[in-house]
Amino acid sequence: MKKALITGITGQDGSYLAELLLGKGYEVHGIIRRSSSFNTGRIDHLYTDSHLADTKLFLHHGDLADSSMLTNIVYQIDPDEVYHLGAQSHVKVSFDMPEYTGDITGLGTVRILEALRRSGRRPRFYQASSSEMFGSAPPPQSEATSFQPCSPYGAAKVYAFWLVKNYRDGYGLFACNGILFNHESPRRGETFVSRKITRAAARIKLGLQAKLYLGNLDAKRDWGYAKEYVEAMWMMLQQDQPNDYVIATGETHSVREFLDEAFGCLSLDWRQYVEMDPRYYRPTEVDILCGDASYARCNLGWEPKVRFKELVRIMVDADMELEKLNLEGIKRQG
């Protein structure tokens, strides 16, 4: 039985990846931060009592700011594969918290790479790189495109990207950078614009919310389905040689188009409900991201199946079901 270690297992990608690996017969270990409140909602359906004999999912308290703890976890688990998904991953927040973003998103990657090196373990390593590294570089962006990050988050991811390559070349680590473009799902965090839109559309339809406040509606992104993108992560670590791959749909759509689709699914006109708020504008904006994933298609055999309209419909339908449950709860309390 292969063993995998996932940082960021409680996030959108971590939960889908854990499902995928458990389905393939892996023993899965995840690192979670200590909290006084439960923060495992996305993986609760996967978790069983660790005392049971057939348990295959195990959670360990750790933090990307604590290198000694990371080293201990790696040494104790001795994983075959490590998927490093943990980060401060919100672009707008990175402008408000640049030092923290650099520490966790950038240096956090160094700490886990050092944990592998110092422990003497040699698992295959996946780094969650980001399309935000390309920043203002003209589209389409591929593995050959120069990085021009426009945010502290993008800059921290560039730093981590080059460290992964350095550890691959300098220490012989089987390490891959997956440069994933925007990927969404019903499990996306509610502060990210895609989920913010689909949840607001559902709440407005049900009379639970009156307005939605957004920033730049003209920003264009390459949006894919997160559940498919984690399959590409796994594929990268099954290859004979490590490499770096862009994962994207090759299509670009604006935030305005996302609003059209999401509110249109519910027969609503978003223009009646959406207002602009300058607080959501970034000091430096990335106008357009559109990925060229031809290298992944040729070498991994990966390509997206869920396209933009279907993705938005999946998210809207899921949020409608969620908000209907919330509405029932409100009625019972009333």
Protein backbone atom coordinates (compact mmCIF):
# COMPACT_ATOMS: atom_id res chain seq x y z
CA MET A 1 0.00 0.00 0.00
CA LYS A 2 1.43 3.37 -1.03
CA LYS A 3 1.49 6.17 1.54
CA ALA A 4 0.84 9.80 0.65
CA LEU A 5 1.30 12.92 2.74
CA ILE A 6 -0.81 15.99 1.91
CA THR A 7 -0.31 19.50 3.26
CA GLY A 8 -3.45 21.57 2.95
CA ILE A 9 -5.63 18.45 3.08
CA THR A 10 -8.59 20.39 4.50
CA GLY A 11 -8.72 22.72 1.49
CA GLN A 12 -10.59 22.31 -1.78
CA ASP A 13 -7.76 20.53 -3.62
CA GLY A 14 -6.66 18.55 -0.59
CA SER A 15 -10.10 17.05 -0.07
CA TYR A 16 -10.48 16.01 -3.72
CA LEU A 17 -6.95 14.62 -3.79
CA ALA A 18 -7.54 12.62 -0.60
CA GLU A 19 -10.66 11.11 -2.20
CA LEU A 20 -8.72 10.22 -5.33
CA LEU A 21 -5.83 8.59 -3.47
CA LEU A 22 -8.06 6.66 -1.08
CA GLY A 23 -9.95 5.36 -4.12
CA LYS A 24 -6.65 4.11 -5.51
CA GLY A 25 -5.88 2.21 -2.31
CA TYR A 26 -3.42 4.65 -0.75
CA GLU A 27 -2.92 5.22 2.94
CA VAL A 28 -3.35 8.99 3.21
CA HIS A 29 -1.85 11.27 5.85
CA GLY A 30 -2.76 14.93 6.11
CA ILE A 31 -1.25 17.82 8.03
CA ILE A 32 -3.74 20.14 9.73
CA ARG A 33 -3.20 23.19 11.92
CA ARG A 34 -4.21 22.97 15.57
CA SER A 35 -7.44 24.85 16.20
CA SER A 36 -9.96 25.12 19.02
CA SER A 37 -12.73 24.69 16.46
CA PHE A 38 -13.28 21.94 13.89
CA ASN A 39 -11.80 22.84 10.50
CA THR A 40 -12.13 19.54 8.65
CA GLY A 41 -15.54 20.00 7.01
CA ARG A 42 -14.35 19.15 3.50
CA ILE A 43 -12.92 15.77 4.55
CA ASP A 44 -15.31 14.71 7.32
CA HIS A 45 -17.02 12.29 4.93
CA LEU A 46 -13.67 10.53 4.41
CA TYR A 47 -12.59 10.30 8.02
CA THR A 48 -13.14 7.28 10.24
CA ASP A 49 -11.95 6.57 13.77
CA SER A 50 -8.18 6.02 13.59
CA HIS A 51 -8.56 3.17 16.08
CA LEU A 52 -10.40 1.06 13.50
CA ALA A 53 -8.38 -1.56 11.65
CA ASP A 54 -9.45 -0.48 8.17
CA THR A 55 -8.68 3.22 8.61
CA LYS A 56 -6.67 4.66 5.72
CA LEU A 57 -6.87 8.40 6.47
CA PHE A 58 -4.78 9.86 9.29
CA LEU A 59 -4.47 13.50 10.36
CA HIS A 60 -1.44 15.06 12.05
CA HIS A 61 -1.15 18.45 13.70
CA GLY A 62 1.55 20.56 12.09
CA ASP A 63 2.29 23.97 10.66
CA LEU A 64 4.25 25.18 7.65
CA ALA A 65 5.95 27.68 9.99
CA ASP A 66 7.41 24.86 12.14
CA SER A 67 10.27 23.07 10.36
CA SER A 68 11.08 20.65 13.18
CA MET A 69 7.52 19.37 13.31
CA LEU A 70 7.45 18.92 9.53
CA THR A 71 10.68 16.92 9.69
CA ASN A 72 9.29 14.70 12.45
CA ILE A 73 6.09 14.04 10.52
CA VAL A 74 7.97 13.12 7.33
CA TYR A 75 10.36 10.87 9.25
CA GLN A 76 7.57 9.06 11.12
CA ILE A 77 5.26 8.54 8.14
CA ASP A 78 7.95 7.79 5.53
CA PRO A 79 5.59 8.61 2.63
CA ASP A 80 5.99 7.44 -0.96
CA GLU A 81 4.47 10.67 -2.28
CA VAL A 82 4.17 14.17 -0.82
CA TYR A 83 1.64 16.66 -2.16
CA HIS A 84 2.39 20.17 -0.93
CA LEU A 85 -0.87 22.11 -1.31
CA GLY A 86 -0.78 24.18 1.88
CA ALA A 87 -0.33 27.95 1.54
CA GLN A 88 -1.82 31.37 2.17
CA SER A 89 -3.50 31.21 -1.22
CA HIS A 90 -5.76 34.28 -1.42
CA VAL A 91 -4.27 36.86 -3.80
CA LYS A 92 -6.04 39.91 -2.35
CA VAL A 93 -5.13 38.88 1.21
CA SER A 94 -1.48 38.64 0.17
CA PHE A 95 -1.44 42.42 -0.36
CA ASP A 96 -2.77 42.90 3.17
CA MET A 97 -0.45 40.25 4.68
CA PRO A 98 2.65 40.14 2.46
CA GLU A 99 5.08 39.03 5.17
CA TYR A 100 2.85 36.18 6.32
CA THR A 101 2.26 35.13 2.71
CA GLY A 102 5.99 35.05 2.03
CA ASP A 103 6.59 33.04 5.18
CA ILE A 104 3.92 30.38 4.66
CA THR A 105 3.64 30.23 0.86
CA GLY A 106 7.32 30.74 0.08
CA LEU A 107 9.38 29.63 3.07
CA GLY A 108 6.81 26.98 3.97
CA THR A 109 7.83 25.18 0.79
CA VAL A 110 11.50 25.41 1.74
CA ARG A 111 10.73 23.96 5.16
CA ILE A 112 9.03 20.89 3.76
CA LEU A 113 11.75 20.39 1.14
CA GLU A 114 14.32 20.58 3.92
CA ALA A 115 12.24 18.13 5.96
CA LEU A 116 12.57 15.65 3.11
CA ARG A 117 16.29 16.29 2.69
CA ARG A 118 17.17 16.16 6.39
CA SER A 119 15.01 13.12 7.13
CA GLY A 120 16.82 11.11 4.47
CA ARG A 121 13.47 10.15 2.92
CA ARG A 122 13.13 10.37 -0.85
CA PRO A 123 9.42 10.44 -1.68
CA ARG A 124 8.12 11.89 -4.92
CA PHE A 125 7.16 15.52 -4.32
CA TYR A 126 4.44 17.68 -5.85
CA GLN A 127 4.45 21.46 -5.46
CA ALA A 128 1.25 23.42 -6.01
CA SER A 129 2.48 26.24 -8.21
CA SER A 130 0.09 28.86 -9.56
CA SER A 131 -0.87 30.70 -12.72
CA GLU A 132 -0.51 33.89 -10.66
CA MET A 133 3.23 33.48 -11.19
CA PHE A 134 2.71 34.57 -14.80
CA GLY A 135 1.06 37.82 -13.74
CA SER A 136 1.31 40.34 -16.55
CA ALA A 137 2.96 37.96 -19.05
CA PRO A 138 0.92 37.90 -22.29
CA PRO A 139 -1.28 34.83 -22.93
CA PRO A 140 -1.33 32.03 -23.70
CA GLN A 141 1.00 31.10 -20.83
CA SER A 142 2.93 27.82 -20.99
CA GLU A 143 5.92 26.20 -19.30
CA ALA A 144 8.15 28.40 -21.48
CA THR A 145 6.53 31.69 -20.44
CA SER A 146 8.56 34.01 -18.19
CA PHE A 147 7.13 34.75 -14.77
CA GLN A 148 5.96 38.31 -14.11
CA PRO A 149 4.07 38.10 -10.79
CA CYS A 150 1.83 41.01 -9.81
CA SER A 151 1.14 40.15 -6.16
CA PRO A 152 2.99 39.02 -3.03
CA TYR A 153 1.26 35.66 -3.47
CA GLY A 154 2.50 35.29 -7.04
CA ALA A 155 6.01 36.32 -6.01
CA ALA A 156 6.04 33.81 -3.13
CA LYS A 157 4.94 31.06 -5.50
CA VAL A 158 7.74 31.98 -7.94
CA TYR A 159 10.24 31.67 -5.09
CA ALA A 160 8.85 28.25 -4.18
CA PHE A 161 8.86 27.16 -7.84
CA TRP A 162 12.57 27.81 -8.25
CA LEU A 163 13.42 26.18 -4.93
CA VAL A 164 11.66 23.00 -6.09
CA LYS A 165 13.75 23.02 -9.26
CA ASN A 166 16.87 23.67 -7.18
CA TYR A 167 16.20 20.70 -4.90
CA ARG A 168 15.45 18.56 -7.94
CA ASP A 169 18.72 19.46 -9.63
CA GLY A 170 20.90 19.78 -6.54
CA TYR A 171 19.69 16.86 -4.42
CA GLY A 172 18.15 14.50 -6.97
CA LEU A 173 14.66 14.86 -5.51
CA PHE A 174 11.80 13.66 -7.71
CA ALA A 175 9.99 16.98 -7.55
CA CYS A 176 7.33 18.42 -9.87
CA ASN A 177 5.75 21.85 -10.13
CA GLY A 178 2.12 21.76 -11.18
CA ILE A 179 1.31 25.22 -12.52
CA LEU A 180 -2.45 25.09 -12.11
CA PHE A 181 -4.67 27.80 -13.49
CA ASN A 182 -7.83 28.77 -11.62
CA HIS A 183 -9.76 25.68 -10.62
CA GLU A 184 -13.08 25.83 -8.85
CA SER A 185 -15.76 23.61 -7.34
CA PRO A 186 -18.55 23.62 -4.75
CA ARG A 187 -15.75 23.19 -2.18
CA ARG A 188 -14.04 26.45 -3.14
CA GLY A 189 -13.57 28.87 -0.24
CA GLU A 190 -16.38 31.39 0.08
CA THR A 191 -14.05 34.41 -0.15
CA PHE A 192 -12.84 33.47 -3.66
CA VAL A 193 -14.71 35.30 -6.40
CA SER A 194 -16.15 32.22 -8.15
CA ARG A 195 -17.74 30.79 -5.02
CA LYS A 196 -18.65 34.24 -3.79
CA ILE A 197 -20.71 34.66 -6.96
CA THR A 198 -22.44 31.27 -6.99
CA ARG A 199 -23.31 31.41 -3.30
CA ALA A 200 -24.64 34.96 -3.57
CA ALA A 201 -26.75 34.02 -6.60
CA ALA A 202 -28.34 31.19 -4.64
CA ARG A 203 -28.93 33.33 -1.56
CA ILE A 204 -30.44 36.16 -3.62
CA LYS A 205 -32.75 33.71 -5.39
CA LEU A 206 -33.99 32.43 -2.03
CA GLY A 207 -34.34 35.88 -0.50
CA LEU A 208 -31.46 35.43 1.95
CA GLN A 209 -29.26 38.19 0.53
CA ALA A 210 -29.92 41.50 -1.22
CA LYS A 211 -26.60 42.58 -2.76
CA LEU A 212 -23.24 41.21 -3.91
CA TYR A 213 -20.18 43.46 -3.74
CA LEU A 214 -17.26 42.79 -6.09
CA GLY A 215 -14.15 44.44 -7.49
CA ASN A 216 -12.79 44.20 -11.05
CA LEU A 217 -15.35 42.54 -13.32
CA ASP A 218 -13.13 42.69 -16.41
CA ALA A 219 -10.39 40.38 -15.12
CA LYS A 220 -10.24 37.25 -17.28
CA ARG A 221 -9.29 33.82 -15.98
CA ASP A 222 -8.90 30.25 -17.21
CA TRP A 223 -11.39 28.41 -14.98
CA GLY A 224 -11.39 24.60 -14.66
CA TYR A 225 -12.87 21.96 -12.35
CA ALA A 226 -10.75 21.22 -9.28
CA LYS A 227 -11.80 17.57 -9.10
CA GLU A 228 -10.17 16.98 -12.50
CA TYR A 229 -7.08 19.02 -11.69
CA VAL A 230 -6.06 16.81 -8.75
CA GLU A 231 -5.92 13.88 -11.18
CA ALA A 232 -3.14 15.75 -13.01
CA MET A 233 -1.25 16.13 -9.72
CA TRP A 234 -1.25 12.38 -9.24
CA MET A 235 -0.28 11.74 -12.87
CA MET A 236 2.80 13.93 -12.53
CA LEU A 237 4.20 11.75 -9.76
CA GLN A 238 3.65 8.53 -11.74
CA GLN A 239 6.03 9.52 -14.54
CA ASP A 240 9.53 8.12 -15.07
CA GLN A 241 11.14 11.56 -14.74
CA PRO A 242 10.09 14.66 -12.77
CA ASN A 243 9.04 17.75 -14.69
CA ASP A 244 6.90 20.88 -14.52
CA TYR A 245 3.47 21.11 -16.12
CA VAL A 246 0.85 23.76 -16.87
CA ILE A 247 -2.69 22.52 -16.15
CA ALA A 248 -5.46 24.60 -17.73
CA THR A 249 -8.48 24.53 -20.03
CA GLY A 250 -7.14 26.93 -22.65
CA GLU A 251 -10.31 29.05 -22.39
CA THR A 252 -10.59 32.44 -20.74
CA HIS A 253 -13.69 34.13 -19.33
CA SER A 254 -14.18 37.38 -17.44
CA VAL A 255 -15.70 37.78 -14.00
CA ARG A 256 -18.56 39.50 -15.82
CA GLU A 257 -19.14 36.33 -17.88
CA PHE A 258 -19.09 34.28 -14.68
CA LEU A 259 -21.84 36.51 -13.32
CA ASP A 260 -23.84 36.09 -16.54
CA GLU A 261 -23.68 32.31 -16.29
CA ALA A 262 -24.24 31.96 -12.54
CA PHE A 263 -27.18 34.35 -12.23
CA GLY A 264 -28.54 33.17 -15.59
CA CYS A 265 -28.78 29.62 -14.19
CA LEU A 266 -31.34 31.01 -11.74
CA SER A 267 -33.10 33.33 -14.22
CA LEU A 268 -31.70 36.42 -12.52
CA ASP A 269 -30.11 39.56 -13.95
CA TRP A 270 -26.95 40.15 -11.94
CA ARG A 271 -26.92 43.86 -12.83
CA GLN A 272 -29.81 44.36 -10.42
CA TYR A 273 -27.88 42.96 -7.49
CA VAL A 274 -24.13 43.51 -7.98
CA GLU A 275 -22.39 46.67 -6.81
CA MET A 276 -18.74 47.68 -7.04
CA ASP A 277 -16.60 48.09 -3.93
CA PRO A 278 -13.12 49.68 -4.28
CA ARG A 279 -11.89 47.61 -1.33
CA TYR A 280 -11.82 44.55 -3.59
CA TYR A 281 -9.50 46.08 -6.17
CA ARG A 282 -5.86 45.02 -6.06
CA PRO A 283 -2.94 47.48 -6.16
CA THR A 284 -1.69 45.68 -9.27
CA GLU A 285 -4.15 43.68 -11.35
CA VAL A 286 -3.61 40.63 -13.53
CA ASP A 287 -5.75 41.33 -16.57
CA ILE A 288 -5.82 37.94 -18.27
CA LEU A 289 -4.63 34.39 -17.62
CA CYS A 290 -5.06 31.67 -20.23
CA GLY A 291 -3.05 28.48 -20.02
CA ASP A 292 -1.53 26.32 -22.73
CA ALA A 293 -1.65 22.76 -21.33
CA SER A 294 -0.50 21.02 -24.54
CA TYR A 295 2.62 19.66 -22.81
CA ALA A 296 0.50 17.97 -20.12
CA ARG A 297 -1.86 16.65 -22.78
CA CYS A 298 0.99 15.07 -24.76
CA ASN A 299 3.07 13.78 -21.84
CA LEU A 300 0.51 12.98 -19.15
CA GLY A 301 -2.50 12.25 -21.30
CA TRP A 302 -4.47 14.75 -19.21
CA GLU A 303 -7.07 17.12 -20.58
CA PRO A 304 -10.11 18.80 -19.03
CA LYS A 305 -13.60 17.42 -19.55
CA VAL A 306 -15.72 19.91 -17.60
CA ARG A 307 -15.89 23.26 -19.37
CA PHE A 308 -16.86 26.71 -18.18
CA LYS A 309 -20.66 26.59 -18.46
CA GLU A 310 -20.89 23.15 -16.86
CA LEU A 311 -18.52 24.17 -14.07
CA VAL A 312 -20.64 27.20 -13.18
CA ARG A 313 -23.82 25.07 -13.27
CA ILE A 314 -22.24 22.49 -10.91
CA MET A 315 -21.36 25.22 -8.44
CA VAL A 316 -24.70 27.01 -8.62
CA ASP A 317 -26.67 23.78 -8.17
CA ALA A 318 -24.57 22.82 -5.13
CA ASP A 319 -24.97 26.23 -3.53
CA MET A 320 -28.73 26.19 -4.13
CA GLU A 321 -28.96 22.90 -2.24
CA LEU A 322 -26.79 24.29 0.56
CA GLU A 323 -28.78 27.49 0.92
CA LYS A 324 -32.11 25.65 0.84
CA LEU A 325 -30.89 23.72 3.88
CA ASN A 326 -29.89 26.99 5.54
CA LEU A 327 -33.31 28.45 4.78
CA GLU A 328 -35.05 25.42 6.30
CA GLY A 329 -32.95 25.88 9.42
CA ILE A 330 -33.92 29.54 9.66
CA LYS A 331 -37.61 28.64 9.32
CA ARG A 332 -37.38 25.98 12.04
CA GLN A 333 -35.72 28.46 14.39
CA GLY A 334 -38.41 31.04 13.60
